[in-house]
Amino acid sequence: MKLSDLSKSADIANVGVSSNPNSYEQTEWGANDRMHLKLVSKWLNDNSDYNISGKKHDFIDLLDGRDFLSEDNEYDIVILHMINSEGNRLSSLHSSSNWKTRLKSTGAKYIFCFGGGSEVNHKYLGMINGYIPPVDEGYYQIYILGK
């Protein structure tokens, strides 16, 4: 089975740098990502009927050569973990327009963006066609697929 076959059957995309908490337990990235997953789980429990318990995660570490912007996998949820929006050298496709196109193509019901002013977030992305204006939770924002 190819990696791409496994990715297509995942429910949740975790996109970032060193984003796999199982592989990076001693790094700040791993700790942040586990905290992000807890915040996502809490928000979903409080605001939707989607439960991430038991769901399959696809950890997309942009430093390991995967290019989320060039992939075509679909997900229920996409979580962007602190991805630098300025001068990103991790993808030749990096642009606000390409991020919006790719995020929309995932078909995700929820897109969570973690990060401040220099990360890929609601300020960098703006509106995404088909999604309601992002809900700003302070530390993160959520795009919700419109009905």
Foldseek 3Di string as FASTA:
>chain_A
DDPLVVQQQFAEEEDEAPQDLVVPVPDPNNVQNVVVVVVVQVCCVVPHPDHCVPTGYDYHHLVVLDDLLPDQHAHQEYEYRFAFLPPDPSDPQRALVSVLVSVVSNVHQKYKYFDDDGGPACVRNPDRPQWDRWDCPPRIIMTGGDD
